[in-house]
C-alpha atoms as a PDB file:
ATOM      1  CA  MET A   1     -25.365  20.315   4.734  1.00  0.00           C
ATOM      2  CA  GLU A   2     -26.162  18.109   7.702  1.00  0.00           C
ATOM      3  CA  GLY A   3     -25.571  14.427   6.931  1.00  0.00           C
ATOM      4  CA  GLN A   4     -23.516  15.282   3.844  1.00  0.00           C
ATOM      5  CA  GLN A   5     -19.886  14.170   3.692  1.00  0.00           C
ATOM      6  CA  GLN A   6     -17.322  16.900   4.199  1.00  0.00           C
ATOM      7  CA  PRO A   7     -13.890  17.244   2.566  1.00  0.00           C
ATOM      8  CA  GLY A   8     -11.012  15.875   4.607  1.00  0.00           C
ATOM      9  CA  ILE A   9      -7.304  16.648   4.725  1.00  0.00           C
ATOM     10  CA  GLN A  10      -4.633  14.412   6.239  1.00  0.00           C
ATOM     11  CA  LYS A  11      -0.929  15.206   6.562  1.00  0.00           C
ATOM     12  CA  SER A  12       1.368  12.292   5.784  1.00  0.00           C
ATOM     13  CA  GLU A  13       3.807  13.156   8.573  1.00  0.00           C
ATOM     14  CA  GLU A  14       0.943  13.181  11.114  1.00  0.00           C
ATOM     15  CA  THR A  15      -0.487   9.823  10.004  1.00  0.00           C
ATOM     16  CA  PRO A  16       0.443   6.681  11.990  1.00  0.00           C
ATOM     17  CA  VAL A  17       2.952   4.326  10.348  1.00  0.00           C
ATOM     18  CA  ASP A  18       1.958   0.733   9.656  1.00  0.00           C
ATOM     19  CA  ASN A  19       5.032  -1.448   9.106  1.00  0.00           C
ATOM     20  CA  ARG A  20       3.538  -4.845  10.001  1.00  0.00           C
ATOM     21  CA  ARG A  21       3.974  -6.015   6.400  1.00  0.00           C
ATOM     22  CA  GLY A  22       7.173  -4.055   5.704  1.00  0.00           C
ATOM     23  CA  GLY A  23       7.835  -0.559   4.449  1.00  0.00           C
ATOM     24  CA  ASP A  24       6.508   2.644   6.007  1.00  0.00           C
ATOM     25  CA  VAL A  25       2.824   2.529   5.011  1.00  0.00           C
ATOM     26  CA  ARG A  26       0.485   5.407   5.873  1.00  0.00           C
ATOM     27  CA  THR A  27      -3.223   5.210   5.064  1.00  0.00           C
ATOM     28  CA  LEU A  28      -4.172   8.854   4.625  1.00  0.00           C
ATOM     29  CA  LEU A  29      -7.757   8.988   3.369  1.00  0.00           C
ATOM     30  CA  SER A  30     -10.032   6.186   4.572  1.00  0.00           C
ATOM     31  CA  PRO A  31     -13.370   5.495   6.256  1.00  0.00           C
ATOM     32  CA  LYS A  32     -11.627   5.978   9.635  1.00  0.00           C
ATOM     33  CA  THR A  33      -9.762   9.188   8.821  1.00  0.00           C
ATOM     34  CA  VAL A  34     -12.198  11.111   6.583  1.00  0.00           C
ATOM     35  CA  GLY A  35     -15.314   8.962   6.328  1.00  0.00           C
ATOM     36  CA  SER A  36     -14.725   7.828   2.740  1.00  0.00           C
ATOM     37  CA  THR A  37     -17.210   5.256   1.477  1.00  0.00           C
ATOM     38  CA  SER A  38     -15.784   3.963  -1.818  1.00  0.00           C
ATOM     39  CA  GLY A  39     -12.107   3.326  -1.145  1.00  0.00           C
ATOM     40  CA  PHE A  40      -8.943   4.478   0.596  1.00  0.00           C
ATOM     41  CA  MET A  41      -5.659   6.129  -0.353  1.00  0.00           C
ATOM     42  CA  GLY A  42      -2.194   6.297   1.142  1.00  0.00           C
ATOM     43  CA  VAL A  43       1.540   6.429   0.637  1.00  0.00           C
ATOM     44  CA  ALA A  44       4.403   4.048   1.322  1.00  0.00           C
ATOM     45  CA  THR A  45       8.139   4.491   1.619  1.00  0.00           C
ATOM     46  CA  ILE A  46      10.172   1.348   0.921  1.00  0.00           C
ATOM     47  CA  THR A  47      13.856   1.615   1.795  1.00  0.00           C
ATOM     48  CA  ALA A  48      16.568  -0.151  -0.193  1.00  0.00           C
ATOM     49  CA  GLY A  49      16.351  -3.905   0.437  1.00  0.00           C
ATOM     50  CA  ASP A  50      12.929  -3.716   2.116  1.00  0.00           C
ATOM     51  CA  TRP A  51       9.606  -5.011   0.821  1.00  0.00           C
ATOM     52  CA  ILE A  52       5.887  -5.093   1.504  1.00  0.00           C
ATOM     53  CA  ALA A  53       4.845  -8.705   2.068  1.00  0.00           C
ATOM     54  CA  GLU A  54       2.737 -10.575  -0.464  1.00  0.00           C
ATOM     55  CA  HIS A  55      -1.026 -10.168  -0.098  1.00  0.00           C
ATOM     56  CA  TYR A  56      -4.190  -9.762  -2.137  1.00  0.00           C
ATOM     57  CA  HIS A  57      -7.495  -7.921  -1.962  1.00  0.00           C
ATOM     58  CA  PRO A  58     -10.621 -10.049  -2.634  1.00  0.00           C
ATOM     59  CA  TYR A  59     -12.898  -7.042  -3.171  1.00  0.00           C
ATOM     60  CA  SER A  60     -10.679  -4.161  -4.266  1.00  0.00           C
ATOM     61  CA  GLU A  61      -8.627  -3.014  -7.206  1.00  0.00           C
ATOM     62  CA  GLU A  62      -5.337  -1.387  -6.251  1.00  0.00           C
ATOM     63  CA  PHE A  63      -3.714   1.472  -8.129  1.00  0.00           C
ATOM     64  CA  ILE A  64      -0.044   2.217  -7.418  1.00  0.00           C
ATOM     65  CA  TYR A  65       2.000   5.170  -8.656  1.00  0.00           C
ATOM     66  CA  VAL A  66       5.781   5.291  -8.175  1.00  0.00           C
ATOM     67  CA  VAL A  67       6.710   8.862  -7.275  1.00  0.00           C
ATOM     68  CA  ARG A  68      10.405   8.332  -6.493  1.00  0.00           C
ATOM     69  CA  GLY A  69      12.853   5.453  -6.820  1.00  0.00           C
ATOM     70  CA  ALA A  70      12.011   2.054  -8.290  1.00  0.00           C
ATOM     71  CA  ILE A  71      10.276  -1.127  -7.146  1.00  0.00           C
ATOM     72  CA  THR A  72       9.752  -4.651  -8.368  1.00  0.00           C
ATOM     73  CA  ALA A  73       6.125  -5.710  -8.140  1.00  0.00           C
ATOM     74  CA  ARG A  74       5.728  -9.479  -8.073  1.00  0.00           C
ATOM     75  CA  LEU A  75       2.223 -10.124  -9.460  1.00  0.00           C
ATOM     76  CA  ASP A  76       1.076 -13.736  -9.026  1.00  0.00           C
ATOM     77  CA  GLY A  77       4.789 -14.605  -8.985  1.00  0.00           C
ATOM     78  CA  GLU A  78       5.741 -12.625 -12.125  1.00  0.00           C
ATOM     79  CA  PRO A  79       8.154  -9.701 -11.555  1.00  0.00           C
ATOM     80  CA  GLN A  80       7.362  -6.301 -13.085  1.00  0.00           C
ATOM     81  CA  GLN A  81       9.874  -3.445 -12.891  1.00  0.00           C
ATOM     82  CA  LEU A  82       8.441  -0.029 -12.053  1.00  0.00           C
ATOM     83  CA  GLU A  83      10.323   3.256 -11.964  1.00  0.00           C
ATOM     84  CA  ALA A  84       9.350   6.792 -11.010  1.00  0.00           C
ATOM     85  CA  GLY A  85       6.489   7.908 -13.241  1.00  0.00           C
ATOM     86  CA  HIS A  86       5.113   4.381 -13.704  1.00  0.00           C
ATOM     87  CA  ALA A  87       1.619   3.386 -12.608  1.00  0.00           C
ATOM     88  CA  LEU A  88       0.402  -0.131 -11.844  1.00  0.00           C
ATOM     89  CA  TYR A  89      -3.108  -1.585 -11.771  1.00  0.00           C
ATOM     90  CA  VAL A  90      -3.596  -4.676  -9.564  1.00  0.00           C
ATOM     91  CA  PRO A  91      -6.976  -6.412 -10.112  1.00  0.00           C
ATOM     92  CA  PRO A  92      -8.836  -8.064  -7.222  1.00  0.00           C
ATOM     93  CA  ASN A  93      -7.405 -11.435  -6.102  1.00  0.00           C
ATOM     94  CA  VAL A  94      -3.976 -10.882  -7.713  1.00  0.00           C
ATOM     95  CA  LYS A  95      -1.243 -11.675  -5.182  1.00  0.00           C
ATOM     96  CA  HIS A  96       1.293  -8.864  -5.065  1.00  0.00           C
ATOM     97  CA  ARG A  97       4.555  -8.190  -3.248  1.00  0.00           C
ATOM     98  CA  LEU A  98       6.347  -4.834  -3.592  1.00  0.00           C
ATOM     99  CA  MET A  99      10.144  -4.969  -3.318  1.00  0.00           C
ATOM    100  CA  ASN A 100      12.844  -2.334  -3.407  1.00  0.00           C
ATOM    101  CA  GLU A 101      15.822  -4.124  -4.899  1.00  0.00           C
ATOM    102  CA  GLY A 102      17.657  -0.907  -5.737  1.00  0.00           C
ATOM    103  CA  GLY A 103      20.006   1.305  -3.777  1.00  0.00           C
ATOM    104  CA  GLU A 104      17.707   4.254  -3.104  1.00  0.00           C
ATOM    105  CA  GLU A 105      14.464   4.740  -1.234  1.00  0.00           C
ATOM    106  CA  ALA A 106      11.202   4.306  -3.182  1.00  0.00           C
ATOM    107  CA  PHE A 107       8.069   6.357  -2.520  1.00  0.00           C
ATOM    108  CA  ILE A 108       4.676   5.257  -3.844  1.00  0.00           C
ATOM    109  CA  VAL A 109       1.071   6.430  -3.716  1.00  0.00           C
ATOM    110  CA  PHE A 110      -1.702   3.812  -3.622  1.00  0.00           C
ATOM    111  CA  HIS A 111      -5.485   3.769  -3.846  1.00  0.00           C
ATOM    112  CA  LEU A 112      -7.868   0.846  -3.309  1.00  0.00           C
ATOM    113  CA  GLY A 113     -11.547   0.588  -4.125  1.00  0.00           C
ATOM    114  CA  PRO A 114     -14.226  -0.449  -3.733  1.00  0.00           C
ATOM    115  CA  LEU A 115     -14.109  -1.159  -0.018  1.00  0.00           C
ATOM    116  CA  ALA A 116     -14.653  -4.696   1.246  1.00  0.00           C
ATOM    117  CA  PRO A 117     -17.939  -5.307   3.097  1.00  0.00           C
ATOM    118  CA  ARG A 118     -15.877  -5.385   6.340  1.00  0.00           C
ATOM    119  CA  PRO A 119     -12.279  -4.190   6.930  1.00  0.00           C
ATOM    120  CA  ASP A 120     -11.154  -7.566   8.343  1.00  0.00           C
ATOM    121  CA  ILE A 121     -11.818  -9.352   5.020  1.00  0.00           C
ATOM    122  CA  GLY A 122     -10.427  -6.726   2.653  1.00  0.00           C
ATOM    123  CA  HIS A 123      -6.759  -7.738   2.886  1.00  0.00           C
ATOM    124  CA  VAL A 124      -5.445 -11.326   2.823  1.00  0.00           C
ATOM    125  CA  ASP A 125      -1.798 -11.953   3.761  1.00  0.00           C
ATOM    126  CA  THR A 126      -0.090 -14.794   1.896  1.00  0.00           C
ATOM    127  CA  GLU A 127       3.373 -14.226   3.397  1.00  0.00           C
ATOM    128  CA  GLU A 128       4.342 -13.749   7.031  1.00  0.00           C
ATOM    129  CA  ARG A 129       6.654 -10.875   7.750  1.00  0.00           C
ATOM    130  CA  ARG A 130       8.761 -10.282  10.836  1.00  0.00           C
ATOM    131  CA  PRO A 131       8.632  -6.722  12.199  1.00  0.00           C
ATOM    132  CA  ALA A 132      10.893  -4.332  10.314  1.00  0.00           C
ATOM    133  CA  GLU A 133      13.279  -3.991  13.287  1.00  0.00           C
ATOM    134  CA  GLU A 134      13.944  -7.756  13.337  1.00  0.00           C
ATOM    135  CA  THR A 135      14.302  -7.925   9.559  1.00  0.00           C
ATOM    136  CA  ALA A 136      16.812  -5.064   9.504  1.00  0.00           C
ATOM    137  CA  SER A 137      19.031  -6.751  12.094  1.00  0.00           C
ATOM    138  CA  ALA A 138      18.754 -10.266  10.624  1.00  0.00           C
END
């Protein structure tokens, strides 16, 4: 089995948090964590009033599933309401911003694929976001 990919397991609570764009985003299964070659998967918690800044993926489709709570997904400027049990497909190059405009925490699962040729060109920010600590106190 030498050279063959092996299964990988990641625990959400042991995965580093990325909140540069808002929310509590954790990339669980990726080329870095498990050696995946076709995409990556993670989870995000978005507290009431918080959001994940607008961005797009030039090479990847994104699949989002709302596990708990509700979010508004702004897709190329058009709002779409998603509740627990809803799934969303975001094609490549569609700008999207995920907002929690409700009163309870939202929890989502996301998957992106295929991977960009290089990680630094796979995600394009179209909105600047102050760190979550500054936003919360503003």
